[in-house]
């Protein structure tokens, strides 16, 4: 009888776990990289394991996710992360809880901020380049259900007291959440494409960005622009342009990224051309040629990516 009671009590505690829809996924990516005047290498594209769960609670959809990854800084030891034998730190990031209903969606943890929820239209190359005006993560975000087809709005916020949402006796640099942070973003679907705009303020620093993309007959063209102020009088102008063409499993593309300081200093001037081929399912192989006019270098990548 005691064993039966013990099993019943144990079952009462584990039953809620069985009620949730648990998913496990992730991605792995490696590339052979050559740079002018430097040694060849194999790069890690950001290998991670994503664990999620979701269930219905009183008419609301409650979900959570956590990303497990490797911080590839050999030999670094911290109190928050676990060092493995080769010096890579295992860390958890993007941990969050999301509650969605007829009102919209509320997310808390390491979540995309208002500006970060949209855009990045020109960040199309599998490796290298990238648009830097896409905003930061927030500790809290709200996306209201406005009832307008094609319109999406997100507001993000993080408290002034710190950038970490982990235990109050620990600090975790992998959280990615910006402190003293407010942001908003908006997007709207147009015929054949989408437009977005947003703003983010972190202390005295700010970023404002906008973009548009349009697709037709397998081709997608995109443009983005942003203004970033560091709060000390320095202002940068960012611009991104991309063009891709898809033929069955093959994607051909190019990406241009430029960033200029208000005193005329060039902060970024990169052009990437690439070809990416889907082998089937979620396996892609790619080649990228990246010219960095600011650094005066040419970088080439040959890589493989698997999302599972």
Protein backbone atom coordinates (compact mmCIF):
# COMPACT_ATOMS: atom_id res chain seq x y z
CA UNK A 1 0.00 0.00 0.00
CA UNK A 2 2.84 2.40 0.86
CA UNK A 3 4.38 1.78 -2.59
CA UNK A 4 1.06 2.53 -4.31
CA UNK A 5 0.66 5.80 -2.36
CA UNK A 6 4.27 6.78 -3.15
CA UNK A 7 3.73 6.14 -6.87
CA UNK A 8 0.52 8.17 -6.80
CA UNK A 9 2.25 11.11 -5.15
CA UNK A 10 5.17 10.94 -7.62
CA UNK A 11 2.74 10.80 -10.52
CA UNK A 12 0.97 13.92 -9.27
CA UNK A 13 4.24 15.85 -9.45
CA UNK A 14 5.30 14.68 -12.94
CA UNK A 15 1.87 14.86 -14.59
CA UNK A 16 2.19 18.56 -15.63
CA UNK A 17 5.37 17.70 -17.55
CA UNK A 18 3.50 15.17 -19.66
CA UNK A 19 0.80 17.75 -20.42
CA UNK A 20 3.27 20.02 -22.23
CA UNK A 21 4.31 19.63 -25.85
CA UNK A 22 8.11 19.42 -25.60
CA UNK A 23 10.31 19.97 -28.65
CA UNK A 24 14.06 19.64 -29.19
CA UNK A 25 15.90 21.12 -32.15
CA UNK A 26 18.99 23.07 -33.03
CA UNK A 27 21.63 23.80 -35.61
CA UNK A 28 25.26 23.05 -36.44
CA UNK A 29 27.46 24.91 -38.90
CA UNK A 30 31.12 24.70 -39.90
CA UNK A 31 33.04 26.44 -42.67
CA UNK A 32 36.52 26.34 -44.17
CA UNK A 33 37.78 29.94 -44.11
CA UNK A 34 40.65 31.60 -45.96
CA UNK A 35 41.74 35.21 -45.40
CA UNK A 36 44.42 37.21 -47.23
CA UNK A 37 47.64 37.21 -45.24
CA UNK A 38 46.29 34.88 -42.57
CA UNK A 39 46.24 31.17 -41.83
CA UNK A 40 43.37 29.02 -43.09
CA UNK A 41 40.91 27.82 -40.46
CA UNK A 42 37.70 25.93 -39.76
CA UNK A 43 35.12 28.24 -38.20
CA UNK A 44 32.20 27.41 -35.93
CA UNK A 45 29.00 29.03 -37.20
CA UNK A 46 27.25 28.89 -33.83
CA UNK A 47 26.26 25.36 -32.82
CA UNK A 48 23.29 25.26 -30.49
CA UNK A 49 20.57 23.04 -29.05
CA UNK A 50 17.09 24.53 -28.64
CA UNK A 51 14.65 23.07 -26.10
CA UNK A 52 11.05 24.25 -26.02
CA UNK A 53 7.72 23.43 -24.40
CA UNK A 54 4.17 24.66 -24.93
CA UNK A 55 0.70 24.03 -23.53
CA UNK A 56 -2.77 25.56 -23.24
CA UNK A 57 -3.60 27.13 -19.87
CA UNK A 58 -7.07 28.63 -19.29
CA UNK A 59 -7.43 29.69 -22.91
CA UNK A 60 -3.86 31.02 -23.15
CA UNK A 61 -0.89 29.47 -24.93
CA UNK A 62 2.09 29.37 -22.58
CA UNK A 63 5.46 28.41 -24.06
CA UNK A 64 9.10 28.50 -23.08
CA UNK A 65 12.43 27.96 -24.82
CA UNK A 66 16.11 27.76 -23.96
CA UNK A 67 19.17 27.73 -26.20
CA UNK A 68 22.21 25.69 -25.15
CA UNK A 69 25.37 26.65 -27.00
CA UNK A 70 29.16 26.77 -26.85
CA UNK A 71 31.08 29.94 -26.06
CA UNK A 72 34.27 29.08 -27.93
CA UNK A 73 36.73 31.05 -25.79
CA UNK A 74 39.35 28.45 -24.96
CA UNK A 75 40.61 28.41 -21.39
CA UNK A 76 38.11 30.94 -20.02
CA UNK A 77 36.67 30.00 -16.65
CA UNK A 78 33.58 31.63 -15.14
CA UNK A 79 31.32 30.84 -12.19
CA UNK A 80 28.25 30.76 -14.40
CA UNK A 81 29.44 28.52 -17.22
CA UNK A 82 30.78 24.99 -17.24
CA UNK A 83 34.22 24.45 -18.77
CA UNK A 84 34.59 21.29 -20.80
CA UNK A 85 37.89 19.56 -21.50
CA UNK A 86 38.79 21.62 -24.60
CA UNK A 87 38.08 25.01 -23.01
CA UNK A 88 34.66 25.67 -24.56
CA UNK A 89 32.05 27.03 -22.16
CA UNK A 90 28.56 25.54 -22.27
CA UNK A 91 26.00 28.29 -21.72
CA UNK A 92 22.25 28.80 -21.79
CA UNK A 93 20.81 31.84 -23.55
CA UNK A 94 17.55 33.10 -25.03
CA UNK A 95 15.66 31.65 -22.06
CA UNK A 96 12.13 33.02 -22.02
CA UNK A 97 8.48 32.44 -21.17
CA UNK A 98 5.79 33.58 -23.62
CA UNK A 99 2.06 34.00 -22.96
CA UNK A 100 -0.18 34.46 -26.01
CA UNK A 101 -3.90 35.07 -26.27
CA UNK A 102 -6.51 37.18 -28.03
CA UNK A 103 -4.84 40.31 -26.60
CA UNK A 104 -1.51 39.54 -28.25
CA UNK A 105 1.79 38.16 -26.94
CA UNK A 106 3.85 38.94 -23.83
CA UNK A 107 7.37 37.52 -23.50
CA UNK A 108 9.81 37.77 -20.57
CA UNK A 109 13.46 36.65 -20.35
CA UNK A 110 15.96 37.01 -23.17
CA UNK A 111 13.65 38.07 -26.00
CA UNK A 112 13.90 40.18 -29.15
CA UNK A 113 13.41 43.89 -28.53
CA UNK A 114 11.02 46.06 -30.52
CA UNK A 115 13.54 46.95 -33.22
CA UNK A 116 15.23 43.54 -33.12
CA UNK A 117 11.90 41.82 -33.87
CA UNK A 118 11.91 43.18 -37.44
CA UNK A 119 14.25 43.89 -40.29
CA UNK A 120 17.62 42.33 -41.09
CA UNK A 121 16.30 42.12 -44.67
CA UNK A 122 19.78 42.62 -46.16
CA UNK A 123 21.57 40.11 -43.93
CA UNK A 124 21.33 37.33 -46.52
CA UNK A 125 24.87 35.95 -46.89
CA UNK A 126 25.43 32.60 -45.13
CA UNK A 127 28.70 33.96 -43.71
CA UNK A 128 30.30 37.39 -43.29
CA UNK A 129 28.93 40.95 -43.67
CA UNK A 130 25.60 41.68 -41.91
CA UNK A 131 23.49 44.76 -41.15
CA UNK A 132 24.40 46.24 -37.75
CA UNK A 133 21.31 48.42 -37.22
CA UNK A 134 18.99 45.62 -36.15
CA UNK A 135 18.66 46.35 -32.43
CA UNK A 136 19.26 44.38 -29.24
CA UNK A 137 17.44 41.91 -27.00
CA UNK A 138 15.03 42.97 -24.25
CA UNK A 139 13.99 41.51 -20.92
CA UNK A 140 10.28 42.08 -21.67
CA UNK A 141 8.33 42.53 -24.90
CA UNK A 142 4.69 43.03 -25.85
CA UNK A 143 3.12 42.53 -29.27
CA UNK A 144 -0.57 43.59 -29.21
CA UNK A 145 -3.15 42.01 -31.48
CA UNK A 146 -4.35 45.05 -33.43
CA UNK A 147 -6.70 43.10 -35.68
CA UNK A 148 -5.21 44.59 -38.87
CA UNK A 149 -4.02 42.09 -41.47
CA UNK A 150 -0.34 42.43 -42.29
CA UNK A 151 0.42 44.86 -39.44
CA UNK A 152 2.69 43.91 -36.53
CA UNK A 153 3.92 46.04 -33.63
CA UNK A 154 6.34 45.12 -30.82
CA UNK A 155 7.51 47.11 -27.79
CA UNK A 156 10.56 46.04 -25.79
CA UNK A 157 11.90 47.08 -22.37
CA UNK A 158 14.70 46.20 -19.95
CA UNK A 159 15.19 47.66 -16.45
CA UNK A 160 17.86 50.20 -15.69
CA UNK A 161 19.31 48.13 -12.85
CA UNK A 162 21.20 45.64 -14.98
CA UNK A 163 21.48 43.61 -18.14
CA UNK A 164 21.02 40.21 -16.50
CA UNK A 165 17.88 38.25 -15.77
CA UNK A 166 19.71 35.31 -14.14
CA UNK A 167 19.87 34.54 -10.41
CA UNK A 168 20.48 37.74 -8.44
CA UNK A 169 23.72 36.35 -6.99
CA UNK A 170 25.21 35.64 -10.42
CA UNK A 171 26.14 37.51 -13.58
CA UNK A 172 25.92 36.01 -17.06
CA UNK A 173 27.46 37.83 -20.03
CA UNK A 174 25.62 35.49 -22.42
CA UNK A 175 22.16 36.85 -21.57
CA UNK A 176 22.31 39.42 -24.39
CA UNK A 177 19.72 41.65 -22.70
CA UNK A 178 20.43 45.40 -22.91
CA UNK A 179 19.94 47.39 -19.70
CA UNK A 180 18.14 50.76 -19.46
CA UNK A 181 16.53 49.85 -22.72
CA UNK A 182 13.30 50.78 -24.51
CA UNK A 183 12.47 49.98 -28.10
CA UNK A 184 9.65 49.69 -30.58
CA UNK A 185 9.24 48.27 -34.06
CA UNK A 186 6.50 48.05 -36.66
CA UNK A 187 6.14 46.12 -39.91
CA UNK A 188 3.50 46.02 -42.61
CA UNK A 189 3.03 43.60 -45.47
CA UNK A 190 2.74 45.14 -48.92
CA UNK A 191 2.06 43.49 -52.27
CA UNK A 192 5.05 41.24 -52.89
CA UNK A 193 6.99 42.42 -49.86
CA UNK A 194 7.22 44.11 -46.49
CA UNK A 195 8.35 47.37 -44.88
CA UNK A 196 9.50 48.07 -41.32
CA UNK A 197 10.71 50.87 -39.06
CA UNK A 198 11.83 51.04 -35.46
CA UNK A 199 13.78 52.80 -32.75
CA UNK A 200 15.80 51.74 -29.73
CA UNK A 201 17.26 53.76 -26.83
CA UNK A 202 19.81 52.37 -24.37
CA UNK A 203 20.86 55.05 -21.90
CA UNK A 204 21.93 58.03 -24.01
CA UNK A 205 22.59 55.88 -27.08
CA UNK A 206 19.98 55.25 -29.77
CA UNK A 207 19.40 53.43 -33.06
CA UNK A 208 16.71 54.18 -35.66
CA UNK A 209 16.26 51.91 -38.66
CA UNK A 210 13.93 51.27 -41.59
CA UNK A 211 13.82 48.89 -44.53
CA UNK A 212 11.88 47.47 -47.44
CA UNK A 213 12.00 44.20 -49.38
CA UNK A 214 10.22 43.04 -52.50
CA UNK A 215 10.04 39.63 -54.19
CA UNK A 216 9.01 38.61 -57.70
CA UNK A 217 9.71 35.61 -59.97
CA UNK A 218 12.25 34.08 -57.57
CA UNK A 219 14.14 37.34 -57.05
CA UNK A 220 14.19 39.34 -53.78
CA UNK A 221 15.70 42.81 -53.44
CA UNK A 222 16.04 44.62 -50.11
CA UNK A 223 17.27 47.94 -48.74
CA UNK A 224 17.90 49.06 -45.15
CA UNK A 225 19.14 52.27 -43.54
CA UNK A 226 19.90 53.17 -39.93
CA UNK A 227 21.28 55.98 -37.81
CA UNK A 228 23.20 55.08 -34.64
CA UNK A 229 24.15 57.61 -31.95
CA UNK A 230 26.48 56.60 -29.11
CA UNK A 231 25.31 59.31 -26.69
CA UNK A 232 28.66 61.11 -26.80
CA UNK A 233 28.03 63.09 -29.98
CA UNK A 234 29.18 60.39 -32.41
CA UNK A 235 26.70 59.44 -35.15
CA UNK A 236 27.00 56.65 -37.74
CA UNK A 237 24.97 56.12 -40.92
CA UNK A 238 24.40 52.51 -41.98
CA UNK A 239 23.13 51.23 -45.32
CA UNK A 240 22.50 47.73 -46.60
CA UNK A 241 21.48 46.40 -50.03
CA UNK A 242 20.89 42.78 -51.00
CA UNK A 243 19.74 40.80 -54.00
CA UNK A 244 18.96 37.08 -54.15
CA UNK A 245 17.67 34.78 -56.88
CA UNK A 246 16.24 31.32 -56.12
CA UNK A 247 16.13 28.48 -58.64
CA UNK A 248 14.72 25.30 -57.11
CA UNK A 249 17.26 24.33 -54.42
CA UNK A 250 19.90 26.89 -55.45
CA UNK A 251 20.12 30.46 -54.15
CA UNK A 252 22.48 33.02 -55.69
CA UNK A 253 22.95 36.33 -53.93
CA UNK A 254 24.92 39.43 -53.10
CA UNK A 255 25.03 41.74 -50.09
CA UNK A 256 26.51 45.22 -49.65
CA UNK A 257 26.98 46.78 -46.20
CA UNK A 258 28.32 50.29 -45.55
CA UNK A 259 28.75 52.29 -42.33
CA UNK A 260 30.14 55.84 -42.19
CA UNK A 261 30.91 58.01 -39.18
CA UNK A 262 29.69 61.61 -39.27
CA UNK A 263 33.33 62.77 -39.54
CA UNK A 264 33.74 60.79 -42.76
CA UNK A 265 35.45 57.76 -41.22
CA UNK A 266 34.47 54.47 -42.89
CA UNK A 267 33.44 51.96 -40.20
CA UNK A 268 32.26 49.17 -42.53
CA UNK A 269 32.53 48.59 -46.28
CA UNK A 270 31.85 44.95 -47.22
CA UNK A 271 30.55 43.17 -50.30
CA UNK A 272 29.59 39.49 -50.25
CA UNK A 273 28.60 37.24 -53.15
CA UNK A 274 27.47 33.69 -52.51
CA UNK A 275 25.86 30.51 -53.73
CA UNK A 276 23.87 28.28 -51.38
CA UNK A 277 22.46 24.86 -52.25
CA UNK A 278 19.92 22.85 -50.28
CA UNK A 279 20.85 19.15 -50.30
CA UNK A 280 17.40 18.21 -49.02
CA UNK A 281 15.57 18.51 -45.72
CA UNK A 282 17.44 21.13 -43.66
CA UNK A 283 21.00 20.65 -44.96
CA UNK A 284 22.65 23.49 -46.87
CA UNK A 285 26.10 23.89 -48.37
CA UNK A 286 27.48 27.26 -49.44
CA UNK A 287 30.41 29.24 -50.82
CA UNK A 288 30.96 32.94 -50.01
CA UNK A 289 33.44 35.52 -51.30
CA UNK A 290 33.66 38.53 -48.98
CA UNK A 291 35.58 41.70 -49.90
CA UNK A 292 36.31 44.08 -47.02
CA UNK A 293 37.40 47.39 -48.55
CA UNK A 294 38.05 48.96 -45.14
CA UNK A 295 40.46 46.21 -44.08
CA UNK A 296 41.69 45.60 -47.62
CA UNK A 297 41.14 41.84 -47.36
CA UNK A 298 39.33 39.09 -49.23
CA UNK A 299 37.78 36.24 -47.25
CA UNK A 300 36.39 33.01 -48.69
CA UNK A 301 34.10 30.50 -46.98
CA UNK A 302 33.03 26.97 -47.91
CA UNK A 303 30.55 25.69 -45.37
CA UNK A 304 27.78 23.31 -44.39
CA UNK A 305 24.81 23.97 -42.11
CA UNK A 306 22.31 21.52 -40.64
CA UNK A 307 19.15 22.62 -38.83
CA UNK A 308 17.30 19.87 -36.99
